[in-house]
Protein backbone atom coordinates (compact mmCIF):
# COMPACT_ATOMS: atom_id res chain seq x y z
CA MET A 1 -0.01 0.05 0.02
CA ASP A 2 1.26 3.50 -0.88
CA ASP A 3 1.91 5.41 2.24
CA SER A 4 2.08 8.82 0.49
CA SER A 5 -1.31 9.72 1.89
CA LEU A 6 -0.08 9.37 5.46
CA PRO A 7 1.22 12.33 7.52
CA PRO A 8 5.07 12.54 7.09
CA ASP A 9 5.60 11.57 10.70
CA ALA A 10 3.36 8.43 10.37
CA ARG A 11 5.74 6.99 7.76
CA ASN A 12 8.60 6.76 10.22
CA PRO A 13 7.78 5.42 13.70
CA LEU A 14 10.79 7.11 15.20
CA LEU A 15 10.77 10.53 13.62
CA THR A 16 7.32 11.68 14.69
CA LEU A 17 6.12 15.06 16.15
CA ALA A 18 4.83 13.29 19.26
CA ASN A 19 8.27 11.70 19.88
CA ALA A 20 9.92 15.03 19.38
CA ILE A 21 7.73 16.52 22.11
CA SER A 22 8.68 13.73 24.42
CA ALA A 23 12.30 14.05 23.52
CA ALA A 24 12.18 17.73 24.42
CA ARG A 25 11.05 16.81 27.90
CA LEU A 26 13.95 14.40 28.13
CA VAL A 27 16.44 17.09 27.00
CA ALA A 28 14.92 19.52 29.51
CA ALA A 29 15.61 17.21 32.44
CA PRO A 30 19.25 18.15 33.03
CA PHE A 31 18.38 21.78 32.67
CA SER A 32 15.80 21.43 35.42
CA LEU A 33 18.42 19.67 37.56
CA ALA A 34 20.90 22.55 36.94
CA ALA A 35 18.23 25.18 37.73
CA VAL A 36 17.20 23.62 41.08
CA LEU A 37 20.95 23.10 42.13
CA GLY A 38 21.69 26.68 41.18
CA GLY A 39 18.61 27.99 43.15
CA ALA A 40 17.15 29.50 39.81
CA TRP A 41 13.57 28.63 41.00
CA LEU A 42 11.84 30.90 38.39
CA VAL A 43 13.76 29.08 35.59
CA ALA A 44 12.99 25.67 37.23
CA GLY A 45 9.30 26.66 37.49
CA GLY A 46 9.18 27.57 33.77
CA ILE A 47 10.77 24.30 32.78
CA PHE A 48 8.39 22.37 34.95
CA VAL A 49 5.27 24.00 33.42
CA ALA A 50 6.66 23.36 29.94
CA ALA A 51 7.37 19.64 30.98
CA VAL A 52 3.83 19.12 32.08
CA ALA A 53 2.42 20.82 29.02
CA SER A 54 4.57 18.47 26.76
CA ASP A 55 3.44 15.39 28.86
CA PHE A 56 -0.14 16.17 27.99
CA LEU A 57 0.62 17.23 24.32
CA ASP A 58 2.70 14.26 23.20
CA GLY A 59 -0.09 11.70 23.72
CA PHE A 60 -2.70 13.97 22.20
CA VAL A 61 -0.57 14.50 19.07
CA ALA A 62 0.20 10.88 18.74
CA ARG A 63 -3.42 9.88 18.80
CA ARG A 64 -4.48 12.72 16.55
CA ARG A 65 -1.91 11.98 13.87
CA GLY A 66 -2.16 8.19 14.22
CA THR A 67 1.41 7.78 15.24
CA ALA A 68 1.07 6.11 18.64
CA SER A 69 3.64 3.23 19.00
CA ALA A 70 5.32 1.12 21.52
CA LEU A 71 8.48 3.09 20.94
CA GLY A 72 6.67 6.37 21.53
CA GLY A 73 5.27 4.96 24.81
CA ILE A 74 8.79 4.03 25.95
CA LEU A 75 10.13 7.47 25.11
CA ASP A 76 7.21 9.13 26.86
CA HIS A 77 7.56 7.28 30.10
CA THR A 78 11.34 7.45 29.96
CA ALA A 79 11.18 11.30 29.61
CA ASP A 80 8.79 11.43 32.58
CA ALA A 81 10.96 9.17 34.78
CA VAL A 82 14.22 10.94 33.96
CA PHE A 83 12.64 14.42 34.44
CA VAL A 84 11.06 13.75 37.88
CA THR A 85 14.04 11.71 39.08
CA LEU A 86 16.65 14.29 38.28
CA THR A 87 14.57 17.19 39.61
CA LEU A 88 13.75 15.45 42.83
CA TRP A 89 17.27 14.34 43.33
CA ALA A 90 18.42 18.07 42.98
CA ILE A 91 15.71 19.09 45.45
CA ALA A 92 16.70 16.38 47.93
CA TYR A 93 20.48 16.74 47.73
CA GLY A 94 21.09 20.31 46.34
CA GLU A 95 22.63 22.77 48.66
CA ALA A 96 20.80 25.76 46.99
CA GLN A 97 17.42 24.72 48.26
CA VAL A 98 15.31 27.48 49.83
CA ARG A 99 14.19 24.96 52.35
CA SER A 100 16.20 21.75 53.25
CA ASP A 101 14.92 18.27 54.08
CA VAL A 102 11.70 18.74 52.18
CA VAL A 103 12.09 15.65 49.87
CA PRO A 104 13.66 12.45 51.29
CA GLY A 105 16.61 11.37 49.27
CA ILE A 106 15.19 7.80 48.99
CA LEU A 107 12.28 9.04 46.77
CA PRO A 108 14.29 9.61 43.54
CA LEU A 109 16.06 6.36 44.07
CA PHE A 110 12.71 4.46 44.28
CA ILE A 111 11.40 6.23 41.17
CA ALA A 112 14.47 5.08 39.19
CA LEU A 113 14.15 1.56 40.44
CA ALA A 114 10.39 1.41 39.78
CA PHE A 115 10.86 2.70 36.21
CA LEU A 116 13.55 0.15 35.54
CA GLN A 117 11.38 -2.63 36.82
CA TYR A 118 8.42 -1.26 34.75
CA LEU A 119 10.64 -1.25 31.60
CA LEU A 120 12.05 -4.69 31.98
CA ASP A 121 8.99 -6.66 33.17
CA SER A 122 6.95 -5.12 30.46
CA LYS A 123 9.52 -6.54 27.94
CA ALA A 124 9.39 -3.00 26.38
CA LEU A 125 12.94 -3.31 25.10
CA ALA A 126 11.71 -6.26 22.92
CA GLY A 127 9.09 -3.95 21.35
CA GLN A 128 6.18 -4.93 23.42
CA PRO A 129 3.83 -2.10 24.78
CA LEU A 130 4.47 -0.99 28.36
CA ARG A 131 2.26 -2.77 30.80
CA THR A 132 0.72 -0.09 33.10
CA SER A 133 -1.24 -0.47 36.43
CA PHE A 134 -3.64 1.89 38.18
CA LEU A 135 -1.33 2.38 41.12
CA GLY A 136 1.61 2.96 38.84
CA ARG A 137 -0.31 5.70 36.98
CA VAL A 138 -1.26 7.30 40.28
CA ASN A 139 2.31 7.24 41.49
CA GLY A 140 3.39 8.77 38.20
CA ILE A 141 1.14 11.66 38.71
CA ALA A 142 2.23 11.97 42.39
CA TYR A 143 5.89 12.36 41.28
CA PHE A 144 5.04 15.37 39.14
CA VAL A 145 2.79 16.79 41.96
CA VAL A 146 5.67 16.71 44.47
CA VAL A 147 8.06 18.35 41.91
CA GLY A 148 5.40 20.95 41.18
CA VAL A 149 4.59 21.86 44.68
CA VAL A 150 8.30 22.37 45.75
CA VAL A 151 9.37 24.07 42.51
CA ILE A 152 6.43 26.35 42.12
CA ARG A 153 6.18 27.48 45.75
CA ASN A 154 9.97 28.40 45.76
CA ALA A 155 9.57 30.16 42.44
CA LEU A 156 6.75 32.25 43.87
CA GLY A 157 8.43 32.61 47.30
CA ILE A 158 5.41 31.41 49.14
CA GLY A 159 5.07 29.13 52.15
CA TRP A 160 2.50 26.82 50.53
CA LEU A 161 2.25 23.67 52.49
CA ALA A 162 4.51 23.04 55.52
CA ASP A 163 7.86 21.29 54.98
CA GLU A 164 6.64 18.51 57.21
CA VAL A 165 3.46 17.93 55.07
CA ILE A 166 5.48 17.55 51.84
CA TYR A 167 8.07 15.40 53.53
CA TRP A 168 5.61 12.96 54.93
CA SER A 169 3.66 12.97 51.70
CA CYS A 170 6.81 12.02 49.94
CA LEU A 171 7.26 9.11 52.31
CA ALA A 172 3.76 8.00 51.53
CA VAL A 173 4.70 8.07 47.88
CA VAL A 174 7.81 6.02 48.58
CA VAL A 175 5.59 3.36 50.31
CA SER A 176 3.07 3.47 47.37
CA THR A 177 5.89 3.08 44.85
CA LEU A 178 7.17 -0.01 46.83
CA ILE A 179 3.69 -1.50 46.97
CA SER A 180 3.40 -1.01 43.17
CA MET A 181 6.85 -2.67 42.64
CA LEU A 182 5.88 -5.64 44.83
CA ASP A 183 2.59 -6.00 42.95
CA ARG A 184 4.29 -6.02 39.58
CA LEU A 185 6.72 -8.63 40.87
CA ARG A 186 3.93 -10.82 42.23
CA THR A 187 2.10 -10.40 38.79
CA LEU A 188 5.25 -11.30 36.87
CA MET A 189 5.84 -14.41 39.01
CA LYS A 190 2.31 -15.62 38.36
CA THR A 191 2.58 -15.16 34.62
CA PRO A 192 2.86 -18.55 32.93
CA THR A 193 6.01 -19.29 30.89
CA SER A 194 5.95 -19.62 27.20
CA GLY A 195 6.41 -23.36 27.47
CA GLY A 196 3.20 -23.82 29.25
CA LYS A 197 -0.40 -24.09 27.99
CA ASN A 198 -1.51 -21.26 25.71
CA ASP A 199 -3.97 -18.95 27.53
CA SER A 200 -6.81 -17.59 25.50
């Protein structure tokens, strides 16, 4: 079939507009890290707003243009994980924070481990679609919420939410992430091997 009638980015599953938007969020991650470490909270706030907008936009563009793919899903989730992990690491360990000890250092570590498990047990590297869960999606939103609360309040110079509230909320997210990881492990262990009977 002649693909000349398809949009230009639908002819190549890698070079699509949606993937470019996701990649921009990935590229923005180290700049967010640098902005937080340098105490440039207004810059960090602008990067965060752009990252959230791109997270909404890439999926919309992929569906609208018919270019959604397993590769695009991997890139989208990788960009999310890298962005929140680097930014939260900078908040947790950076000396230029406006307020210290707001985010426990264990949170970015758990996010990185959870994403790695997510990537591997979904067999995404073999070209299969990412296998999501309700709790995993909730956690993914929670990571962005934590970043947004800290970055935006520091950018605006307001005392929105006490440090203790944010800290204990972060610990709750850590526990939720651990539960999600254990649930994925349990599900993986219950999955029959390819040598067994074929489920239908």
